[in-house]
């Protein structure tokens, strides 16, 4: 009977995570999304694998899954805003903007806001909502306090953070660390556990710290920072996987395995 109860509980949990039915897209929405996807693909073509088009694709899929599940549970969400914001969320990524300062071609390319402003068929209210999501989706933005939460921001933010944890998150972290020539680990550089926005930006600008420090400084905090019920449920297994990885990483450093 105890086993039957556990199986029933697992089945209920699995059913709760089943993606909600998809709503048919209007032709005008498909046109907007198609142009946006083309713009993002071109803009991100030169990025490394930690912040490339495939990252955007994963965030879009996760954000829509979260938004549909939230909608099914009675928390209404504008799916067009969610999808546009997910597609555009990394176009103006400050980490890459810093690295490209002085590059005339890069500095002349449209920002997400400029791209949206040029799309005459995107309603002003949608444009403003998408822009607000993009400007507040980042970890560093929340370190400063962020803005008042709303459903579309919650869905995209949770999706972006979900892609930063688990197996994919581990792979992305070491990809970015390698691009920045950071050491895998450094016993002489302990992690900054009391992270502030100022410290976070300064560390990125100076390119200090080891890759493994990124886990206690940021990634291990993300599961507890999920905003949606769906995101909180989904984050648990990814968080657990990171803990297992870090334990093994530490034991291998010590020569125990």
Protein backbone atom coordinates (compact mmCIF):
# COMPACT_ATOMS: atom_id res chain seq x y z
CA UNK A 1 0.00 0.00 0.00
CA UNK A 2 2.91 2.32 0.76
CA UNK A 3 4.44 1.48 -2.62
CA UNK A 4 1.10 2.11 -4.33
CA UNK A 5 0.86 5.49 -2.60
CA UNK A 6 4.37 6.46 -3.80
CA UNK A 7 3.53 5.40 -7.36
CA UNK A 8 0.33 7.43 -7.29
CA UNK A 9 2.25 10.44 -6.01
CA UNK A 10 4.86 10.08 -8.79
CA UNK A 11 2.11 9.76 -11.42
CA UNK A 12 0.40 12.90 -10.10
CA UNK A 13 3.70 14.81 -10.24
CA UNK A 14 4.38 13.62 -13.80
CA UNK A 15 0.87 14.59 -14.88
CA UNK A 16 1.34 18.05 -13.37
CA UNK A 17 4.45 18.54 -15.51
CA UNK A 18 2.79 17.55 -18.80
CA UNK A 19 2.91 20.54 -21.18
CA UNK A 20 -0.43 22.33 -21.51
CA UNK A 21 -2.16 22.28 -24.92
CA UNK A 22 -0.77 24.78 -27.43
CA UNK A 23 -2.94 27.67 -28.60
CA UNK A 24 -3.07 28.18 -32.38
CA UNK A 25 -0.98 31.16 -33.44
CA UNK A 26 -2.47 33.99 -35.47
CA UNK A 27 -0.78 34.64 -38.83
CA UNK A 28 0.34 38.11 -37.72
CA UNK A 29 2.00 36.62 -34.63
CA UNK A 30 3.78 34.00 -36.73
CA UNK A 31 5.11 36.77 -38.99
CA UNK A 32 6.41 38.79 -36.04
CA UNK A 33 8.01 35.74 -34.46
CA UNK A 34 9.60 34.68 -37.76
CA UNK A 35 11.25 38.07 -38.27
CA UNK A 36 12.42 38.10 -34.66
CA UNK A 37 13.92 34.63 -34.92
CA UNK A 38 15.84 35.61 -38.07
CA UNK A 39 17.17 38.76 -36.38
CA UNK A 40 18.29 36.84 -33.29
CA UNK A 41 19.92 34.01 -35.26
CA UNK A 42 22.05 36.51 -37.19
CA UNK A 43 22.95 38.59 -34.13
CA UNK A 44 24.03 35.58 -32.05
CA UNK A 45 25.82 33.62 -34.78
CA UNK A 46 29.28 34.61 -33.49
CA UNK A 47 28.58 33.90 -29.80
CA UNK A 48 30.22 31.02 -27.98
CA UNK A 49 28.18 27.95 -27.06
CA UNK A 50 27.18 29.27 -23.63
CA UNK A 51 25.06 32.09 -25.07
CA UNK A 52 24.27 31.04 -28.63
CA UNK A 53 21.10 30.50 -30.65
CA UNK A 54 20.62 27.03 -29.14
CA UNK A 55 20.50 28.62 -25.67
CA UNK A 56 17.77 30.95 -26.93
CA UNK A 57 15.84 28.01 -28.41
CA UNK A 58 15.95 26.17 -25.09
CA UNK A 59 14.85 29.24 -23.14
CA UNK A 60 11.97 29.83 -25.55
CA UNK A 61 10.77 26.23 -25.22
CA UNK A 62 11.07 26.29 -21.42
CA UNK A 63 9.40 29.71 -21.12
CA UNK A 64 6.43 28.63 -23.22
CA UNK A 65 6.10 25.38 -21.28
CA UNK A 66 6.15 27.27 -17.99
CA UNK A 67 3.72 29.93 -19.24
CA UNK A 68 1.24 27.36 -20.55
CA UNK A 69 1.36 25.38 -17.32
CA UNK A 70 0.91 28.55 -15.29
CA UNK A 71 -2.00 29.55 -17.53
CA UNK A 72 -3.59 26.12 -17.05
CA UNK A 73 -3.30 26.61 -13.28
CA UNK A 74 -5.14 29.94 -13.48
CA UNK A 75 -2.27 32.44 -13.83
CA UNK A 76 -2.95 34.13 -17.18
CA UNK A 77 0.10 34.90 -19.33
CA UNK A 78 0.52 36.62 -22.71
CA UNK A 79 2.32 33.97 -24.80
CA UNK A 80 3.39 36.41 -27.52
CA UNK A 81 5.15 38.58 -24.94
CA UNK A 82 6.77 35.48 -23.43
CA UNK A 83 8.03 34.18 -26.77
CA UNK A 84 9.33 37.54 -28.04
CA UNK A 85 11.08 38.25 -24.74
CA UNK A 86 12.63 34.78 -24.68
CA UNK A 87 13.93 35.24 -28.22
CA UNK A 88 15.38 38.70 -27.52
CA UNK A 89 16.52 38.31 -23.91
CA UNK A 90 20.25 37.98 -24.67
CA UNK A 91 20.58 40.39 -27.62
CA UNK A 92 21.91 43.15 -25.36
CA UNK A 93 23.72 40.89 -22.88
CA UNK A 94 26.01 43.20 -20.92
CA UNK A 95 28.79 40.57 -20.69
CA UNK A 96 29.12 40.48 -24.47
CA UNK A 97 28.50 44.19 -24.98
CA UNK A 98 31.53 44.94 -22.79
CA UNK A 99 33.72 42.62 -24.85
CA UNK A 100 32.64 44.26 -28.13
CA UNK A 101 33.15 47.90 -27.18
CA UNK A 102 35.06 49.73 -29.90
CA UNK A 103 33.81 47.39 -32.64
CA UNK A 104 31.99 49.73 -35.03
CA UNK A 105 29.95 46.97 -36.65
CA UNK A 106 28.78 45.65 -33.30
CA UNK A 107 28.00 49.07 -31.85
CA UNK A 108 25.90 50.00 -34.89
CA UNK A 109 23.65 46.91 -34.71
CA UNK A 110 20.10 47.42 -33.39
CA UNK A 111 19.30 46.81 -29.76
CA UNK A 112 16.26 44.73 -28.82
CA UNK A 113 14.26 47.94 -28.24
CA UNK A 114 15.30 49.35 -31.63
CA UNK A 115 14.36 46.12 -33.37
CA UNK A 116 10.94 46.09 -31.72
CA UNK A 117 10.37 49.78 -32.51
CA UNK A 118 10.89 49.00 -36.21
CA UNK A 119 8.16 46.31 -36.18
CA UNK A 120 5.04 48.31 -37.07
CA UNK A 121 2.72 45.35 -36.45
CA UNK A 122 3.82 44.89 -32.83
CA UNK A 123 1.33 46.72 -30.56
CA UNK A 124 2.83 49.35 -28.25
CA UNK A 125 1.61 47.52 -25.15
CA UNK A 126 3.29 44.29 -26.30
CA UNK A 127 6.52 46.12 -27.15
CA UNK A 128 6.64 47.80 -23.75
CA UNK A 129 5.93 44.54 -21.93
CA UNK A 130 8.64 42.66 -23.84
CA UNK A 131 11.14 45.44 -23.16
CA UNK A 132 10.35 45.34 -19.45
CA UNK A 133 10.95 41.58 -19.33
CA UNK A 134 14.31 41.89 -21.11
CA UNK A 135 15.52 44.70 -18.85
CA UNK A 136 14.71 42.75 -15.66
CA UNK A 137 15.35 39.12 -16.55
CA UNK A 138 19.00 38.96 -15.44
CA UNK A 139 20.52 37.76 -12.18
CA UNK A 140 22.42 41.03 -11.74
CA UNK A 141 19.15 42.98 -12.10
CA UNK A 142 17.61 41.06 -9.22
CA UNK A 143 20.71 41.61 -7.09
CA UNK A 144 19.79 45.30 -7.25
CA UNK A 145 16.19 44.63 -6.30
CA UNK A 146 14.64 44.10 -9.72
CA UNK A 147 11.14 45.30 -10.53
CA UNK A 148 7.63 44.28 -9.57
CA UNK A 149 7.07 40.74 -10.81
CA UNK A 150 4.49 39.97 -13.52
CA UNK A 151 3.63 36.63 -15.21
CA UNK A 152 5.60 37.06 -18.44
CA UNK A 153 8.77 38.13 -16.60
CA UNK A 154 8.40 35.20 -14.19
CA UNK A 155 8.11 32.68 -17.05
CA UNK A 156 11.10 33.96 -19.06
CA UNK A 157 13.26 34.53 -16.00
CA UNK A 158 12.63 31.04 -14.66
CA UNK A 159 13.34 29.54 -18.10
CA UNK A 160 16.62 31.44 -18.48
CA UNK A 161 17.71 30.37 -15.01
CA UNK A 162 16.65 26.77 -15.66
CA UNK A 163 19.08 26.71 -18.59
CA UNK A 164 21.84 27.87 -16.22
CA UNK A 165 21.53 24.83 -13.94
CA UNK A 166 21.60 21.05 -14.27
CA UNK A 167 23.67 19.25 -16.93
CA UNK A 168 23.20 22.02 -19.50
CA UNK A 169 24.10 24.65 -16.91
CA UNK A 170 27.33 22.83 -16.01
CA UNK A 171 28.29 22.58 -19.70
CA UNK A 172 27.51 26.26 -20.32
CA UNK A 173 29.46 27.37 -17.24
CA UNK A 174 32.67 25.64 -18.32
CA UNK A 175 32.20 26.79 -21.91
CA UNK A 176 32.02 30.43 -20.80
CA UNK A 177 34.89 29.99 -18.34
CA UNK A 178 37.03 28.53 -21.12
CA UNK A 179 36.19 31.43 -23.42
CA UNK A 180 37.35 33.81 -20.68
CA UNK A 181 40.52 31.78 -19.96
CA UNK A 182 39.50 31.29 -16.35
CA UNK A 183 41.02 28.43 -14.31
CA UNK A 184 38.74 25.47 -13.61
CA UNK A 185 39.35 25.99 -9.88
CA UNK A 186 41.80 27.90 -7.70
CA UNK A 187 42.23 27.05 -4.01
CA UNK A 188 43.69 30.53 -3.46
CA UNK A 189 40.49 32.23 -4.66
CA UNK A 190 37.48 31.42 -2.43
CA UNK A 191 34.00 32.19 -3.78
CA UNK A 192 32.25 35.47 -2.98
CA UNK A 193 29.24 34.23 -1.02
CA UNK A 194 27.83 37.69 -0.22
CA UNK A 195 27.36 38.71 -3.83
CA UNK A 196 26.06 42.18 -4.71
CA UNK A 197 25.41 43.71 -8.11
CA UNK A 198 28.52 45.87 -7.78
CA UNK A 199 30.73 42.88 -6.92
CA UNK A 200 29.18 40.79 -9.70
CA UNK A 201 29.81 43.42 -12.38
CA UNK A 202 33.31 44.20 -11.09
CA UNK A 203 34.33 40.52 -11.10
CA UNK A 204 33.09 40.14 -14.68
CA UNK A 205 34.90 43.29 -15.81
CA UNK A 206 38.17 42.22 -14.19
CA UNK A 207 37.65 38.58 -15.27
CA UNK A 208 38.61 37.34 -11.82
CA UNK A 209 37.74 34.11 -10.06
CA UNK A 210 37.64 30.49 -11.15
CA UNK A 211 34.88 28.77 -13.09
CA UNK A 212 33.92 26.50 -10.18
CA UNK A 213 33.29 29.57 -7.99
CA UNK A 214 30.34 30.44 -10.24
CA UNK A 215 28.37 27.59 -8.69
CA UNK A 216 28.23 28.85 -5.05
CA UNK A 217 28.25 32.49 -6.15
CA UNK A 218 25.23 32.15 -8.45
CA UNK A 219 24.08 28.81 -9.82
CA UNK A 220 23.32 27.08 -6.51
CA UNK A 221 21.08 30.03 -5.58
CA UNK A 222 18.86 29.85 -8.66
CA UNK A 223 16.51 27.00 -7.68
CA UNK A 224 15.41 28.99 -4.62
CA UNK A 225 14.93 32.11 -6.80
CA UNK A 226 12.41 30.53 -9.19
CA UNK A 227 9.20 32.54 -9.31
CA UNK A 228 6.62 30.19 -10.82
CA UNK A 229 5.21 27.02 -9.30
CA UNK A 230 6.20 25.18 -12.49
CA UNK A 231 9.75 26.55 -12.36
CA UNK A 232 10.17 25.60 -8.72
CA UNK A 233 9.11 22.03 -9.43
CA UNK A 234 11.32 21.67 -12.50
CA UNK A 235 14.41 23.18 -10.87
CA UNK A 236 14.74 20.60 -8.11
CA UNK A 237 16.23 17.76 -10.16
CA UNK A 238 18.63 20.11 -11.96
CA UNK A 239 19.78 21.56 -8.65
CA UNK A 240 20.33 18.07 -7.25
CA UNK A 241 22.39 17.09 -10.28
CA UNK A 242 24.71 20.06 -9.73
CA UNK A 243 25.24 19.08 -6.10
CA UNK A 244 26.20 15.57 -7.18
CA UNK A 245 28.59 16.95 -9.77
CA UNK A 246 30.26 19.34 -7.31
CA UNK A 247 30.74 16.58 -4.74
CA UNK A 248 32.40 14.38 -7.36
CA UNK A 249 34.49 17.31 -8.68
CA UNK A 250 35.82 17.99 -5.19
CA UNK A 251 36.64 14.32 -4.55
CA UNK A 252 38.47 14.01 -7.85
CA UNK A 253 40.54 17.12 -7.05
CA UNK A 254 41.54 15.47 -3.76
CA UNK A 255 42.42 12.23 -5.53
CA UNK A 256 39.74 10.26 -3.72
CA UNK A 257 38.21 8.95 -6.94
